């Protein structure tokens, strides 16, 4: 059944709008997680059902917009779809955030604000 003519135009606009939006956050899976071992990454572990993760999502996407300026890549891992990675990284609470530089990981435990994330990444040189 085809959508009615009155519904077709707004639906097409919505699809084109969503299609045009690109996230700066890479999805990490059991198959591609080794990408995190090279370069500079911020990784967020989350679950769709987690209220704290849902609250963090827009902040994470906003923070990821600074990736090019900060010279860091952004990734996220859905622990319900990638349970192996949840165990590999010993995820015991959600959301969990790590910073990884060339295979060296450090756990982020600060406030979930863009300013605090930026300060954490900016201080990365001193930590390694």
C-alpha atoms as a PDB file:
ATOM      1  CA  UNK A   1       0.000   0.000   0.000  1.00  0.00           C
ATOM      2  CA  UNK A   2       1.478   3.337  -1.089  1.00  0.00           C
ATOM      3  CA  UNK A   3       1.451   6.280   1.322  1.00  0.00           C
ATOM      4  CA  UNK A   4      -1.208   8.860   0.721  1.00  0.00           C
ATOM      5  CA  UNK A   5      -0.141  11.888  -1.326  1.00  0.00           C
ATOM      6  CA  UNK A   6      -0.504  14.194   1.723  1.00  0.00           C
ATOM      7  CA  UNK A   7       1.840  11.971   3.759  1.00  0.00           C
ATOM      8  CA  UNK A   8       4.346  11.249   0.985  1.00  0.00           C
ATOM      9  CA  UNK A   9       5.943  14.725   0.852  1.00  0.00           C
ATOM     10  CA  UNK A  10       6.626  15.117   4.612  1.00  0.00           C
ATOM     11  CA  UNK A  11       7.866  11.527   4.740  1.00  0.00           C
ATOM     12  CA  UNK A  12      10.243  12.159   1.832  1.00  0.00           C
ATOM     13  CA  UNK A  13      11.568  15.315   3.530  1.00  0.00           C
ATOM     14  CA  UNK A  14      12.167  13.375   6.758  1.00  0.00           C
ATOM     15  CA  UNK A  15      14.006  10.591   4.946  1.00  0.00           C
ATOM     16  CA  UNK A  16      16.217  13.072   3.058  1.00  0.00           C
ATOM     17  CA  UNK A  17      16.930  14.990   6.259  1.00  0.00           C
ATOM     18  CA  UNK A  18      17.938  11.859   8.159  1.00  0.00           C
ATOM     19  CA  UNK A  19      19.910  10.525   5.188  1.00  0.00           C
ATOM     20  CA  UNK A  20      21.937  13.736   5.044  1.00  0.00           C
ATOM     21  CA  UNK A  21      22.891  13.620   8.715  1.00  0.00           C
ATOM     22  CA  UNK A  22      26.175  11.880   9.271  1.00  0.00           C
ATOM     23  CA  UNK A  23      27.591  11.036  12.612  1.00  0.00           C
ATOM     24  CA  UNK A  24      31.243  11.589  13.436  1.00  0.00           C
ATOM     25  CA  UNK A  25      31.047   8.524  15.691  1.00  0.00           C
ATOM     26  CA  UNK A  26      32.189   5.133  14.338  1.00  0.00           C
ATOM     27  CA  UNK A  27      30.359   1.960  15.351  1.00  0.00           C
ATOM     28  CA  UNK A  28      32.818  -0.552  16.780  1.00  0.00           C
ATOM     29  CA  UNK A  29      32.109  -4.279  16.583  1.00  0.00           C
ATOM     30  CA  UNK A  30      33.847  -7.550  17.366  1.00  0.00           C
ATOM     31  CA  UNK A  31      35.152  -7.501  13.791  1.00  0.00           C
ATOM     32  CA  UNK A  32      36.635  -3.978  13.610  1.00  0.00           C
ATOM     33  CA  UNK A  33      37.646  -3.177  17.204  1.00  0.00           C
ATOM     34  CA  UNK A  34      41.362  -3.481  16.411  1.00  0.00           C
ATOM     35  CA  UNK A  35      41.071  -0.101  14.626  1.00  0.00           C
ATOM     36  CA  UNK A  36      41.146   1.382  18.137  1.00  0.00           C
ATOM     37  CA  UNK A  37      44.746   0.209  18.590  1.00  0.00           C
ATOM     38  CA  UNK A  38      46.110   2.769  16.141  1.00  0.00           C
ATOM     39  CA  UNK A  39      45.665   6.494  16.512  1.00  0.00           C
ATOM     40  CA  UNK A  40      43.776   8.545  19.039  1.00  0.00           C
ATOM     41  CA  UNK A  41      40.225   7.476  20.032  1.00  0.00           C
ATOM     42  CA  UNK A  42      37.467   8.271  22.476  1.00  0.00           C
ATOM     43  CA  UNK A  43      35.212   5.230  22.914  1.00  0.00           C
ATOM     44  CA  UNK A  44      31.797   5.166  24.538  1.00  0.00           C
ATOM     45  CA  UNK A  45      30.277   1.863  25.670  1.00  0.00           C
ATOM     46  CA  UNK A  46      26.491   2.002  25.924  1.00  0.00           C
ATOM     47  CA  UNK A  47      23.205   0.097  25.711  1.00  0.00           C
ATOM     48  CA  UNK A  48      20.021   1.290  24.012  1.00  0.00           C
ATOM     49  CA  UNK A  49      17.929   0.577  27.138  1.00  0.00           C
ATOM     50  CA  UNK A  50      20.225   2.563  29.491  1.00  0.00           C
ATOM     51  CA  UNK A  51      18.730   5.962  30.557  1.00  0.00           C
ATOM     52  CA  UNK A  52      22.163   7.418  31.396  1.00  0.00           C
ATOM     53  CA  UNK A  53      23.427   6.326  27.965  1.00  0.00           C
ATOM     54  CA  UNK A  54      20.436   7.934  26.270  1.00  0.00           C
ATOM     55  CA  UNK A  55      21.161  11.161  28.139  1.00  0.00           C
ATOM     56  CA  UNK A  56      24.832  11.045  27.110  1.00  0.00           C
ATOM     57  CA  UNK A  57      24.144  10.362  23.405  1.00  0.00           C
ATOM     58  CA  UNK A  58      23.541  13.984  22.239  1.00  0.00           C
ATOM     59  CA  UNK A  59      26.538  15.213  24.261  1.00  0.00           C
ATOM     60  CA  UNK A  60      28.721  12.499  22.743  1.00  0.00           C
ATOM     61  CA  UNK A  61      27.637  13.403  19.206  1.00  0.00           C
ATOM     62  CA  UNK A  62      28.281  17.095  19.942  1.00  0.00           C
ATOM     63  CA  UNK A  63      31.718  16.289  21.385  1.00  0.00           C
ATOM     64  CA  UNK A  64      32.525  14.195  18.296  1.00  0.00           C
ATOM     65  CA  UNK A  65      32.073  17.291  16.129  1.00  0.00           C
ATOM     66  CA  UNK A  66      35.359  18.521  17.667  1.00  0.00           C
ATOM     67  CA  UNK A  67      37.208  15.374  16.564  1.00  0.00           C
ATOM     68  CA  UNK A  68      39.061  16.955  13.692  1.00  0.00           C
ATOM     69  CA  UNK A  69      40.172  19.937  15.784  1.00  0.00           C
ATOM     70  CA  UNK A  70      41.270  17.668  18.644  1.00  0.00           C
ATOM     71  CA  UNK A  71      42.834  15.151  16.250  1.00  0.00           C
ATOM     72  CA  UNK A  72      40.895  12.304  17.844  1.00  0.00           C
ATOM     73  CA  UNK A  73      38.466   9.738  16.447  1.00  0.00           C
ATOM     74  CA  UNK A  74      35.183   8.879  18.130  1.00  0.00           C
ATOM     75  CA  UNK A  75      33.602   5.486  18.498  1.00  0.00           C
ATOM     76  CA  UNK A  76      30.786   3.779  20.316  1.00  0.00           C
ATOM     77  CA  UNK A  77      30.093   0.176  21.224  1.00  0.00           C
ATOM     78  CA  UNK A  78      26.605  -1.190  21.867  1.00  0.00           C
ATOM     79  CA  UNK A  79      27.354  -3.764  24.572  1.00  0.00           C
ATOM     80  CA  UNK A  80      24.093  -5.611  23.933  1.00  0.00           C
ATOM     81  CA  UNK A  81      25.156  -6.275  20.334  1.00  0.00           C
ATOM     82  CA  UNK A  82      28.884  -6.739  21.087  1.00  0.00           C
ATOM     83  CA  UNK A  83      29.032  -8.693  24.365  1.00  0.00           C
ATOM     84  CA  UNK A  84      32.548  -9.948  23.571  1.00  0.00           C
ATOM     85  CA  UNK A  85      33.877  -6.398  23.626  1.00  0.00           C
ATOM     86  CA  UNK A  86      32.035  -5.712  26.858  1.00  0.00           C
ATOM     87  CA  UNK A  87      33.976  -8.573  28.446  1.00  0.00           C
ATOM     88  CA  UNK A  88      37.247  -7.701  26.732  1.00  0.00           C
ATOM     89  CA  UNK A  89      37.143  -4.148  28.112  1.00  0.00           C
ATOM     90  CA  UNK A  90      35.657  -5.261  31.464  1.00  0.00           C
ATOM     91  CA  UNK A  91      32.610  -3.000  31.232  1.00  0.00           C
ATOM     92  CA  UNK A  92      30.794  -3.124  34.576  1.00  0.00           C
ATOM     93  CA  UNK A  93      28.767   0.110  34.379  1.00  0.00           C
ATOM     94  CA  UNK A  94      27.094   2.112  31.635  1.00  0.00           C
ATOM     95  CA  UNK A  95      27.956   4.363  30.032  1.00  0.00           C
ATOM     96  CA  UNK A  96      31.691   3.738  30.178  1.00  0.00           C
ATOM     97  CA  UNK A  97      34.166   5.936  28.316  1.00  0.00           C
ATOM     98  CA  UNK A  98      37.764   5.212  27.416  1.00  0.00           C
ATOM     99  CA  UNK A  99      40.449   7.231  25.707  1.00  0.00           C
ATOM    100  CA  UNK A 100      42.884   5.181  23.654  1.00  0.00           C
ATOM    101  CA  UNK A 101      46.109   6.392  22.109  1.00  0.00           C
ATOM    102  CA  UNK A 102      48.081   3.886  20.045  1.00  0.00           C
ATOM    103  CA  UNK A 103      46.810   0.926  22.082  1.00  0.00           C
ATOM    104  CA  UNK A 104      47.141   2.553  25.522  1.00  0.00           C
ATOM    105  CA  UNK A 105      43.791   2.890  27.266  1.00  0.00           C
ATOM    106  CA  UNK A 106      42.725   5.149  30.112  1.00  0.00           C
ATOM    107  CA  UNK A 107      39.305   5.240  31.705  1.00  0.00           C
ATOM    108  CA  UNK A 108      37.369   8.518  31.778  1.00  0.00           C
ATOM    109  CA  UNK A 109      35.494   9.077  35.046  1.00  0.00           C
ATOM    110  CA  UNK A 110      34.650  12.779  34.951  1.00  0.00           C
ATOM    111  CA  UNK A 111      31.471  14.742  34.291  1.00  0.00           C
ATOM    112  CA  UNK A 112      29.670  14.191  30.983  1.00  0.00           C
ATOM    113  CA  UNK A 113      30.099  17.663  29.561  1.00  0.00           C
ATOM    114  CA  UNK A 114      31.733  18.617  26.303  1.00  0.00           C
ATOM    115  CA  UNK A 115      34.116  20.951  28.141  1.00  0.00           C
ATOM    116  CA  UNK A 116      35.286  18.173  30.485  1.00  0.00           C
ATOM    117  CA  UNK A 117      35.682  15.724  27.595  1.00  0.00           C
ATOM    118  CA  UNK A 118      37.756  18.285  25.675  1.00  0.00           C
ATOM    119  CA  UNK A 119      39.956  18.963  28.706  1.00  0.00           C
ATOM    120  CA  UNK A 120      40.478  15.220  29.193  1.00  0.00           C
ATOM    121  CA  UNK A 121      41.563  14.718  25.588  1.00  0.00           C
ATOM    122  CA  UNK A 122      43.716  17.864  25.650  1.00  0.00           C
ATOM    123  CA  UNK A 123      45.575  16.549  28.703  1.00  0.00           C
ATOM    124  CA  UNK A 124      46.256  13.208  27.009  1.00  0.00           C
ATOM    125  CA  UNK A 125      49.926  13.933  26.328  1.00  0.00           C
ATOM    126  CA  UNK A 126      50.777  14.087  30.018  1.00  0.00           C
ATOM    127  CA  UNK A 127      49.066  10.751  30.767  1.00  0.00           C
ATOM    128  CA  UNK A 128      51.085   8.576  28.375  1.00  0.00           C
END
